[in-house]
Amino acid sequence: MAFFAVGYAIIFFLLSLLYGHALRKADDIGLDADERRLTKRAVYGYRGEILIALLVVVCALFTPIGPFAGALMCLNWPMALIVKQGFKKESSPEIA
């Protein structure tokens, strides 16, 4: 389980770097405000995935739950919901 979680963390680390680079070059590639918000949300989401994967590695190697540490991957969907709520698009006032 630890090997799987390390590979999982590496993949999401690379995705986080790619999206972070796109965010730094947002002016050069012409991202509008909404695209910047979505890109930033993706970076935070990927970082959350990395943290959960590292938690699984630590639990798999250093706690008695060992092989069952993969169940902690179920924390991905609540984390995704929290990140999504944190970057919810501001609602524009309705025109009467």
PDB file of N, CA and C in Angstrom:
ATOM      1  N   MET A   1       0.820  -1.188   0.000  1.00  0.00           N
ATOM      2  CA  MET A   1       0.000   0.000   0.000  1.00  0.00           C
ATOM      3  C   MET A   1       0.866   1.255   0.000  1.00  0.00           C
ATOM      4  N   ALA A   2       1.982   1.181   0.708  1.00  0.00           N
ATOM      5  CA  ALA A   2       2.872   2.339   0.768  1.00  0.00           C
ATOM      6  C   ALA A   2       3.453   2.657  -0.612  1.00  0.00           C
ATOM      7  N   PHE A   3       3.813   1.613  -1.370  1.00  0.00           N
ATOM      8  CA  PHE A   3       4.358   1.838  -2.720  1.00  0.00           C
ATOM      9  C   PHE A   3       3.319   2.494  -3.623  1.00  0.00           C
ATOM     10  N   PHE A   4       2.099   2.017  -3.553  1.00  0.00           N
ATOM     11  CA  PHE A   4       1.020   2.608  -4.342  1.00  0.00           C
ATOM     12  C   PHE A   4       0.834   4.071  -3.968  1.00  0.00           C
ATOM     13  N   ALA A   5       0.807   4.368  -2.673  1.00  0.00           N
ATOM     14  CA  ALA A   5       0.556   5.733  -2.218  1.00  0.00           C
ATOM     15  C   ALA A   5       1.698   6.674  -2.617  1.00  0.00           C
ATOM     16  N   VAL A   6       2.926   6.166  -2.606  1.00  0.00           N
ATOM     17  CA  VAL A   6       4.055   6.999  -3.037  1.00  0.00           C
ATOM     18  C   VAL A   6       3.918   7.344  -4.521  1.00  0.00           C
ATOM     19  N   GLY A   7       3.598   6.360  -5.335  1.00  0.00           N
ATOM     20  CA  GLY A   7       3.389   6.624  -6.762  1.00  0.00           C
ATOM     21  C   GLY A   7       2.246   7.589  -7.004  1.00  0.00           C
ATOM     22  N   TYR A   8       1.173   7.425  -6.257  1.00  0.00           N
ATOM     23  CA  TYR A   8       0.006   8.302  -6.343  1.00  0.00           C
ATOM     24  C   TYR A   8       0.408   9.737  -5.995  1.00  0.00           C
ATOM     25  N   ALA A   9       1.187   9.892  -4.927  1.00  0.00           N
ATOM     26  CA  ALA A   9       1.634  11.218  -4.512  1.00  0.00           C
ATOM     27  C   ALA A   9       2.538  11.851  -5.566  1.00  0.00           C
ATOM     28  N   ILE A  10       3.399  11.063  -6.173  1.00  0.00           N
ATOM     29  CA  ILE A  10       4.300  11.601  -7.205  1.00  0.00           C
ATOM     30  C   ILE A  10       3.506  12.104  -8.406  1.00  0.00           C
ATOM     31  N   ILE A  11       2.519  11.341  -8.823  1.00  0.00           N
ATOM     32  CA  ILE A  11       1.701  11.761  -9.971  1.00  0.00           C
ATOM     33  C   ILE A  11       1.005  13.077  -9.678  1.00  0.00           C
ATOM     34  N   PHE A  12       0.392  13.185  -8.505  1.00  0.00           N
ATOM     35  CA  PHE A  12      -0.318  14.419  -8.186  1.00  0.00           C
ATOM     36  C   PHE A  12       0.633  15.570  -7.886  1.00  0.00           C
ATOM     37  N   PHE A  13       1.845  15.269  -7.432  1.00  0.00           N
ATOM     38  CA  PHE A  13       2.857  16.304  -7.263  1.00  0.00           C
ATOM     39  C   PHE A  13       3.221  16.907  -8.621  1.00  0.00           C
ATOM     40  N   LEU A  14       3.405  16.048  -9.616  1.00  0.00           N
ATOM     41  CA  LEU A  14       3.728  16.536 -10.956  1.00  0.00           C
ATOM     42  C   LEU A  14       2.574  17.349 -11.546  1.00  0.00           C
ATOM     43  N   LEU A  15       1.351  16.882 -11.354  1.00  0.00           N
ATOM     44  CA  LEU A  15       0.199  17.648 -11.840  1.00  0.00           C
ATOM     45  C   LEU A  15       0.106  19.003 -11.139  1.00  0.00           C
ATOM     46  N   SER A  16       0.388  19.023  -9.844  1.00  0.00           N
ATOM     47  CA  SER A  16       0.376  20.276  -9.094  1.00  0.00           C
ATOM     48  C   SER A  16       1.428  21.242  -9.637  1.00  0.00           C
ATOM     49  N   LEU A  17       2.600  20.726  -9.955  1.00  0.00           N
ATOM     50  CA  LEU A  17       3.644  21.570 -10.528  1.00  0.00           C
ATOM     51  C   LEU A  17       3.225  22.132 -11.893  1.00  0.00           C
ATOM     52  N   LEU A  18       2.604  21.294 -12.712  1.00  0.00           N
ATOM     53  CA  LEU A  18       2.172  21.742 -14.036  1.00  0.00           C
ATOM     54  C   LEU A  18       1.111  22.844 -13.942  1.00  0.00           C
ATOM     55  N   TYR A  19       0.128  22.629 -13.087  1.00  0.00           N
ATOM     56  CA  TYR A  19      -0.918  23.641 -12.928  1.00  0.00           C
ATOM     57  C   TYR A  19      -0.378  24.903 -12.263  1.00  0.00           C
ATOM     58  N   GLY A  20       0.561  24.749 -11.332  1.00  0.00           N
ATOM     59  CA  GLY A  20       1.195  25.911 -10.707  1.00  0.00           C
ATOM     60  C   GLY A  20       1.969  26.726 -11.727  1.00  0.00           C
ATOM     61  N   HIS A  21       2.642  26.045 -12.630  1.00  0.00           N
ATOM     62  CA  HIS A  21       3.372  26.742 -13.691  1.00  0.00           C
ATOM     63  C   HIS A  21       2.398  27.500 -14.601  1.00  0.00           C
ATOM     64  N   ALA A  22       1.292  26.865 -14.934  1.00  0.00           N
ATOM     65  CA  ALA A  22       0.283  27.543 -15.753  1.00  0.00           C
ATOM     66  C   ALA A  22      -0.264  28.762 -15.028  1.00  0.00           C
ATOM     67  N   LEU A  23      -0.419  28.675 -13.724  1.00  0.00           N
ATOM     68  CA  LEU A  23      -0.924  29.810 -12.955  1.00  0.00           C
ATOM     69  C   LEU A  23       0.087  30.949 -12.926  1.00  0.00           C
ATOM     70  N   ARG A  24       1.365  30.610 -12.827  1.00  0.00           N
ATOM     71  CA  ARG A  24       2.396  31.649 -12.864  1.00  0.00           C
ATOM     72  C   ARG A  24       2.479  32.314 -14.231  1.00  0.00           C
ATOM     73  N   LYS A  25       2.165  31.590 -15.275  1.00  0.00           N
ATOM     74  CA  LYS A  25       2.207  32.125 -16.642  1.00  0.00           C
ATOM     75  C   LYS A  25       0.819  32.548 -17.133  1.00  0.00           C
ATOM     76  N   ALA A  26      -0.100  32.793 -16.223  1.00  0.00           N
ATOM     77  CA  ALA A  26      -1.497  33.078 -16.580  1.00  0.00           C
ATOM     78  C   ALA A  26      -1.624  34.265 -17.526  1.00  0.00           C
ATOM     79  N   ASP A  27      -0.829  35.308 -17.305  1.00  0.00           N
ATOM     80  CA  ASP A  27      -0.900  36.468 -18.192  1.00  0.00           C
ATOM     81  C   ASP A  27      -0.397  36.127 -19.591  1.00  0.00           C
ATOM     82  N   ASP A  28       0.667  35.347 -19.648  1.00  0.00           N
ATOM     83  CA  ASP A  28       1.253  34.983 -20.938  1.00  0.00           C
ATOM     84  C   ASP A  28       0.332  34.092 -21.766  1.00  0.00           C
ATOM     85  N   ILE A  29      -0.407  33.205 -21.106  1.00  0.00           N
ATOM     86  CA  ILE A  29      -1.276  32.286 -21.855  1.00  0.00           C
ATOM     87  C   ILE A  29      -2.717  32.775 -21.918  1.00  0.00           C
ATOM     88  N   GLY A  30      -2.981  33.936 -21.318  1.00  0.00           N
ATOM     89  CA  GLY A  30      -4.287  34.572 -21.470  1.00  0.00           C
ATOM     90  C   GLY A  30      -5.422  33.963 -20.665  1.00  0.00           C
ATOM     91  N   LEU A  31      -5.145  33.557 -19.443  1.00  0.00           N
ATOM     92  CA  LEU A  31      -6.219  33.019 -18.612  1.00  0.00           C
ATOM     93  C   LEU A  31      -7.070  34.156 -18.058  1.00  0.00           C
ATOM     94  N   ASP A  32      -8.382  34.009 -18.148  1.00  0.00           N
ATOM     95  CA  ASP A  32      -9.260  35.018 -17.550  1.00  0.00           C
ATOM     96  C   ASP A  32      -9.424  34.706 -16.063  1.00  0.00           C
ATOM     97  N   ALA A  33     -10.187  35.512 -15.350  1.00  0.00           N
ATOM     98  CA  ALA A  33     -10.326  35.367 -13.897  1.00  0.00           C
ATOM     99  C   ALA A  33     -10.928  34.015 -13.514  1.00  0.00           C
ATOM    100  N   ASP A  34     -11.918  33.558 -14.271  1.00  0.00           N
ATOM    101  CA  ASP A  34     -12.544  32.275 -13.955  1.00  0.00           C
ATOM    102  C   ASP A  34     -11.570  31.118 -14.182  1.00  0.00           C
ATOM    103  N   GLU A  35     -10.805  31.175 -15.246  1.00  0.00           N
ATOM    104  CA  GLU A  35      -9.820  30.120 -15.519  1.00  0.00           C
ATOM    105  C   GLU A  35      -8.713  30.112 -14.471  1.00  0.00           C
ATOM    106  N   ARG A  36      -8.337  31.298 -13.993  1.00  0.00           N
ATOM    107  CA  ARG A  36      -7.334  31.368 -12.927  1.00  0.00           C
ATOM    108  C   ARG A  36      -7.871  30.728 -11.646  1.00  0.00           C
ATOM    109  N   ARG A  37      -9.144  30.999 -11.344  1.00  0.00           N
ATOM    110  CA  ARG A  37      -9.763  30.434 -10.149  1.00  0.00           C
ATOM    111  C   ARG A  37      -9.812  28.912 -10.249  1.00  0.00           C
ATOM    112  N   LEU A  38     -10.199  28.392 -11.407  1.00  0.00           N
ATOM    113  CA  LEU A  38     -10.255  26.944 -11.600  1.00  0.00           C
ATOM    114  C   LEU A  38      -8.873  26.302 -11.520  1.00  0.00           C
ATOM    115  N   THR A  39      -7.879  26.984 -12.067  1.00  0.00           N
ATOM    116  CA  THR A  39      -6.508  26.461 -12.019  1.00  0.00           C
ATOM    117  C   THR A  39      -6.000  26.444 -10.591  1.00  0.00           C
ATOM    118  N   LYS A  40      -6.269  27.513  -9.833  1.00  0.00           N
ATOM    119  CA  LYS A  40      -5.851  27.558  -8.435  1.00  0.00           C
ATOM    120  C   LYS A  40      -6.558  26.468  -7.631  1.00  0.00           C
ATOM    121  N   ARG A  41      -7.843  26.248  -7.924  1.00  0.00           N
ATOM    122  CA  ARG A  41      -8.588  25.184  -7.245  1.00  0.00           C
ATOM    123  C   ARG A  41      -7.969  23.825  -7.545  1.00  0.00           C
ATOM    124  N   ALA A  42      -7.534  23.606  -8.787  1.00  0.00           N
ATOM    125  CA  ALA A  42      -6.893  22.340  -9.146  1.00  0.00           C
ATOM    126  C   ALA A  42      -5.583  22.155  -8.384  1.00  0.00           C
ATOM    127  N   VAL A  43      -4.806  23.218  -8.251  1.00  0.00           N
ATOM    128  CA  VAL A  43      -3.537  23.127  -7.517  1.00  0.00           C
ATOM    129  C   VAL A  43      -3.800  22.728  -6.071  1.00  0.00           C
ATOM    130  N   TYR A  44      -4.752  23.387  -5.424  1.00  0.00           N
ATOM    131  CA  TYR A  44      -5.064  23.045  -4.030  1.00  0.00           C
ATOM    132  C   TYR A  44      -5.634  21.628  -3.918  1.00  0.00           C
ATOM    133  N   GLY A  45      -6.450  21.235  -4.866  1.00  0.00           N
ATOM    134  CA  GLY A  45      -6.989  19.874  -4.854  1.00  0.00           C
ATOM    135  C   GLY A  45      -5.899  18.830  -4.990  1.00  0.00           C
ATOM    136  N   TYR A  46      -4.948  19.070  -5.882  1.00  0.00           N
ATOM    137  CA  TYR A  46      -3.856  18.126  -6.069  1.00  0.00           C
ATOM    138  C   TYR A  46      -2.960  18.069  -4.832  1.00  0.00           C
ATOM    139  N   ARG A  47      -2.752  19.218  -4.194  1.00  0.00           N
ATOM    140  CA  ARG A  47      -1.947  19.222  -2.968  1.00  0.00           C
ATOM    141  C   ARG A  47      -2.652  18.442  -1.858  1.00  0.00           C
ATOM    142  N   GLY A  48      -3.951  18.535  -1.824  1.00  0.00           N
ATOM    143  CA  GLY A  48      -4.710  17.738  -0.857  1.00  0.00           C
ATOM    144  C   GLY A  48      -4.546  16.250  -1.116  1.00  0.00           C
ATOM    145  N   GLU A  49      -4.574  15.865  -2.388  1.00  0.00           N
ATOM    146  CA  GLU A  49      -4.356  14.455  -2.755  1.00  0.00           C
ATOM    147  C   GLU A  49      -2.985  13.982  -2.285  1.00  0.00           C
ATOM    148  N   ILE A  50      -1.984  14.849  -2.417  1.00  0.00           N
ATOM    149  CA  ILE A  50      -0.629  14.506  -1.987  1.00  0.00           C
ATOM    150  C   ILE A  50      -0.596  14.276  -0.477  1.00  0.00           C
ATOM    151  N   LEU A  51      -1.236  15.167   0.270  1.00  0.00           N
ATOM    152  CA  LEU A  51      -1.240  15.023   1.730  1.00  0.00           C
ATOM    153  C   LEU A  51      -1.916  13.729   2.169  1.00  0.00           C
ATOM    154  N   ILE A  52      -3.016  13.399   1.524  1.00  0.00           N
ATOM    155  CA  ILE A  52      -3.711  12.162   1.876  1.00  0.00           C
ATOM    156  C   ILE A  52      -2.842  10.951   1.529  1.00  0.00           C
ATOM    157  N   ALA A  53      -2.180  10.987   0.379  1.00  0.00           N
ATOM    158  CA  ALA A  53      -1.308   9.872  -0.005  1.00  0.00           C
ATOM    159  C   ALA A  53      -0.156   9.727   0.982  1.00  0.00           C
ATOM    160  N   LEU A  54       0.410  10.833   1.436  1.00  0.00           N
ATOM    161  CA  LEU A  54       1.495  10.750   2.418  1.00  0.00           C
ATOM    162  C   LEU A  54       0.999  10.227   3.765  1.00  0.00           C
ATOM    163  N   LEU A  55      -0.223  10.577   4.124  1.00  0.00           N
ATOM    164  CA  LEU A  55      -0.832  10.021   5.332  1.00  0.00           C
ATOM    165  C   LEU A  55      -0.962   8.509   5.215  1.00  0.00           C
ATOM    166  N   VAL A  56      -1.365   8.034   4.037  1.00  0.00           N
ATOM    167  CA  VAL A  56      -1.483   6.594   3.810  1.00  0.00           C
ATOM    168  C   VAL A  56      -0.112   5.924   3.919  1.00  0.00           C
ATOM    169  N   VAL A  57       0.922   6.559   3.378  1.00  0.00           N
ATOM    170  CA  VAL A  57       2.274   5.993   3.464  1.00  0.00           C
ATOM    171  C   VAL A  57       2.693   5.847   4.924  1.00  0.00           C
ATOM    172  N   VAL A  58       2.498   6.911   5.686  1.00  0.00           N
ATOM    173  CA  VAL A  58       2.896   6.874   7.097  1.00  0.00           C
ATOM    174  C   VAL A  58       2.109   5.802   7.848  1.00  0.00           C
ATOM    175  N   CYS A  59       0.807   5.745   7.621  1.00  0.00           N
ATOM    176  CA  CYS A  59      -0.013   4.740   8.311  1.00  0.00           C
ATOM    177  C   CYS A  59       0.341   3.319   7.875  1.00  0.00           C
ATOM    178  N   ALA A  60       0.648   3.142   6.600  1.00  0.00           N
ATOM    179  CA  ALA A  60       0.983   1.802   6.102  1.00  0.00           C
ATOM    180  C   ALA A  60       2.304   1.304   6.664  1.00  0.00           C
ATOM    181  N   LEU A  61       3.248   2.213   6.842  1.00  0.00           N
ATOM    182  CA  LEU A  61       4.575   1.787   7.292  1.00  0.00           C
ATOM    183  C   LEU A  61       4.754   1.782   8.806  1.00  0.00           C
ATOM    184  N   PHE A  62       4.092   2.686   9.497  1.00  0.00           N
ATOM    185  CA  PHE A  62       4.413   2.893  10.900  1.00  0.00           C
ATOM    186  C   PHE A  62       3.272   2.658  11.889  1.00  0.00           C
ATOM    187  N   THR A  63       2.130   2.189  11.428  1.00  0.00           N
ATOM    188  CA  THR A  63       1.031   1.923  12.357  1.00  0.00           C
ATOM    189  C   THR A  63       0.557   0.484  12.191  1.00  0.00           C
ATOM    190  N   PRO A  64      -0.183  -0.008  13.154  1.00  0.00           N
ATOM    191  CA  PRO A  64      -0.658  -1.387  13.058  1.00  0.00           C
ATOM    192  C   PRO A  64      -1.707  -1.625  11.970  1.00  0.00           C
ATOM    193  N   ILE A  65      -2.305  -0.553  11.431  1.00  0.00           N
ATOM    194  CA  ILE A  65      -3.339  -0.801  10.417  1.00  0.00           C
ATOM    195  C   ILE A  65      -2.741  -1.243   9.095  1.00  0.00           C
ATOM    196  N   GLY A  66      -1.447  -0.980   8.905  1.00  0.00           N
ATOM    197  CA  GLY A  66      -0.675  -1.446   7.753  1.00  0.00           C
ATOM    198  C   GLY A  66      -1.413  -1.636   6.450  1.00  0.00           C
ATOM    199  N   PRO A  67      -1.777  -2.878   6.091  1.00  0.00           N
ATOM    200  CA  PRO A  67      -2.383  -3.146   4.791  1.00  0.00           C
ATOM    201  C   PRO A  67      -3.746  -2.488   4.590  1.00  0.00           C
ATOM    202  N   PHE A  68      -4.365  -2.089   5.672  1.00  0.00           N
ATOM    203  CA  PHE A  68      -5.688  -1.467   5.564  1.00  0.00           C
ATOM    204  C   PHE A  68      -5.610   0.051   5.473  1.00  0.00           C
ATOM    205  N   ALA A  69      -4.397   0.595   5.399  1.00  0.00           N
ATOM    206  CA  ALA A  69      -4.214   2.045   5.322  1.00  0.00           C
ATOM    207  C   ALA A  69      -4.831   2.622   4.053  1.00  0.00           C
ATOM    208  N   GLY A  70      -5.002   1.795   3.041  1.00  0.00           N
ATOM    209  CA  GLY A  70      -5.604   2.260   1.789  1.00  0.00           C
ATOM    210  C   GLY A  70      -7.014   2.779   1.973  1.00  0.00           C
ATOM    211  N   ALA A  71      -7.672   2.355   3.044  1.00  0.00           N
ATOM    212  CA  ALA A  71      -9.021   2.849   3.311  1.00  0.00           C
ATOM    213  C   ALA A  71      -9.015   4.359   3.563  1.00  0.00           C
ATOM    214  N   LEU A  72      -7.871   4.893   3.944  1.00  0.00           N
ATOM    215  CA  LEU A  72      -7.772   6.340   4.162  1.00  0.00           C
ATOM    216  C   LEU A  72      -7.907   7.122   2.853  1.00  0.00           C
ATOM    217  N   MET A  73      -7.753   6.437   1.734  1.00  0.00           N
ATOM    218  CA  MET A  73      -7.946   7.110   0.442  1.00  0.00           C
ATOM    219  C   MET A  73      -9.390   7.584   0.279  1.00  0.00           C
ATOM    220  N   CYS A  74     -10.282   7.061   1.101  1.00  0.00           N
ATOM    221  CA  CYS A  74     -11.674   7.528   1.080  1.00  0.00           C
ATOM    222  C   CYS A  74     -11.782   8.980   1.520  1.00  0.00           C
ATOM    223  N   LEU A  75     -10.711   9.518   2.087  1.00  0.00           N
ATOM    224  CA  LEU A  75     -10.717  10.929   2.479  1.00  0.00           C
ATOM    225  C   LEU A  75     -10.613  11.858   1.272  1.00  0.00           C
ATOM    226  N   ASN A  76     -10.372  11.303   0.098  1.00  0.00           N
ATOM    227  CA  ASN A  76     -10.225  12.143  -1.098  1.00  0.00           C
ATOM    228  C   ASN A  76     -11.492  12.900  -1.447  1.00  0.00           C
ATOM    229  N   TRP A  77     -12.644  12.233  -1.340  1.00  0.00           N
ATOM    230  CA  TRP A  77     -13.860  12.941  -1.755  1.00  0.00           C
ATOM    231  C   TRP A  77     -14.263  14.031  -0.777  1.00  0.00           C
ATOM    232  N   PRO A  78     -14.140  13.867   0.564  1.00  0.00           N
ATOM    233  CA  PRO A  78     -14.455  15.017   1.417  1.00  0.00           C
ATOM    234  C   PRO A  78     -13.485  16.179   1.190  1.00  0.00           C
ATOM    235  N   MET A  79     -12.204  15.844   0.958  1.00  0.00           N
ATOM    236  CA  MET A  79     -11.224  16.883   0.689  1.00  0.00           C
ATOM    237  C   MET A  79     -11.585  17.633  -0.586  1.00  0.00           C
ATOM    238  N   ALA A  80     -12.021  16.916  -1.609  1.00  0.00           N
ATOM    239  CA  ALA A  80     -12.412  17.559  -2.865  1.00  0.00           C
ATOM    240  C   ALA A  80     -13.616  18.474  -2.665  1.00  0.00           C
ATOM    241  N   LEU A  81     -14.552  18.055  -1.841  1.00  0.00           N
ATOM    242  CA  LEU A  81     -15.711  18.905  -1.558  1.00  0.00           C
ATOM    243  C   LEU A  81     -15.307  20.165  -0.806  1.00  0.00           C
ATOM    244  N   ILE A  82     -14.387  20.034   0.129  1.00  0.00           N
ATOM    245  CA  ILE A  82     -13.916  21.199   0.887  1.00  0.00           C
ATOM    246  C   ILE A  82     -13.203  22.180  -0.034  1.00  0.00           C
ATOM    247  N   VAL A  83     -12.344  21.676  -0.907  1.00  0.00           N
ATOM    248  CA  VAL A  83     -11.638  22.552  -1.850  1.00  0.00           C
ATOM    249  C   VAL A  83     -12.638  23.222  -2.785  1.00  0.00           C
ATOM    250  N   LYS A  84     -13.622  22.465  -3.255  1.00  0.00           N
ATOM    251  CA  LYS A  84     -14.617  23.027  -4.166  1.00  0.00           C
ATOM    252  C   LYS A  84     -15.406  24.138  -3.485  1.00  0.00           C
ATOM    253  N   GLN A  85     -15.800  23.932  -2.222  1.00  0.00           N
ATOM    254  CA  GLN A  85     -16.539  24.955  -1.494  1.00  0.00           C
ATOM    255  C   GLN A  85     -15.681  26.190  -1.252  1.00  0.00           C
ATOM    256  N   GLY A  86     -14.388  25.994  -1.045  1.00  0.00           N
ATOM    257  CA  GLY A  86     -13.484  27.115  -0.814  1.00  0.00           C
ATOM    258  C   GLY A  86     -13.316  28.008  -2.022  1.00  0.00           C
ATOM    259  N   PHE A  87     -13.525  27.459  -3.198  1.00  0.00           N
ATOM    260  CA  PHE A  87     -13.354  28.221  -4.424  1.00  0.00           C
ATOM    261  C   PHE A  87     -14.664  28.388  -5.172  1.00  0.00           C
ATOM    262  N   LYS A  88     -15.773  28.353  -4.452  1.00  0.00           N
ATOM    263  CA  LYS A  88     -17.074  28.507  -5.093  1.00  0.00           C
ATOM    264  C   LYS A  88     -17.147  29.874  -5.763  1.00  0.00           C
ATOM    265  N   LYS A  89     -17.668  29.876  -6.960  1.00  0.00           N
ATOM    266  CA  LYS A  89     -17.779  31.120  -7.727  1.00  0.00           C
ATOM    267  C   LYS A  89     -18.770  32.058  -7.048  1.00  0.00           C
ATOM    268  N   GLU A  90     -18.334  33.304  -6.920  1.00  0.00           N
ATOM    269  CA  GLU A  90     -19.220  34.297  -6.334  1.00  0.00           C
ATOM    270  C   GLU A  90     -20.424  34.500  -7.233  1.00  0.00           C
ATOM    271  N   SER A  91     -21.590  34.472  -6.642  1.00  0.00           N
ATOM    272  CA  SER A  91     -22.809  34.647  -7.443  1.00  0.00           C
ATOM    273  C   SER A  91     -22.979  36.133  -7.759  1.00  0.00           C
ATOM    274  N   SER A  92     -23.276  36.409  -8.997  1.00  0.00           N
ATOM    275  CA  SER A  92     -23.490  37.791  -9.411  1.00  0.00           C
ATOM    276  C   SER A  92     -24.905  38.218  -9.058  1.00  0.00           C
ATOM    277  N   PRO A  93     -25.087  39.483  -8.719  1.00  0.00           N
ATOM    278  CA  PRO A  93     -26.438  39.932  -8.373  1.00  0.00           C
ATOM    279  C   PRO A  93     -27.370  39.828  -9.565  1.00  0.00           C
ATOM    280  N   GLU A  94     -28.562  39.395  -9.275  1.00  0.00           N
ATOM    281  CA  GLU A  94     -29.552  39.245 -10.347  1.00  0.00           C
ATOM    282  C   GLU A  94     -30.108  40.597 -10.756  1.00  0.00           C
ATOM    283  N   ILE A  95     -30.367  40.703 -12.035  1.00  0.00           N
ATOM    284  CA  ILE A  95     -30.951  41.947 -12.556  1.00  0.00           C
ATOM    285  C   ILE A  95     -32.452  41.771 -12.578  1.00  0.00           C
ATOM    286  N   ALA A  96     -33.149  42.708 -11.941  1.00  0.00           N
ATOM    287  CA  ALA A  96     -34.607  42.595 -11.846  1.00  0.00           C
ATOM    288  C   ALA A  96     -35.289  43.063 -13.096  1.00  0.00           C
TER     289      ALA A  96
END
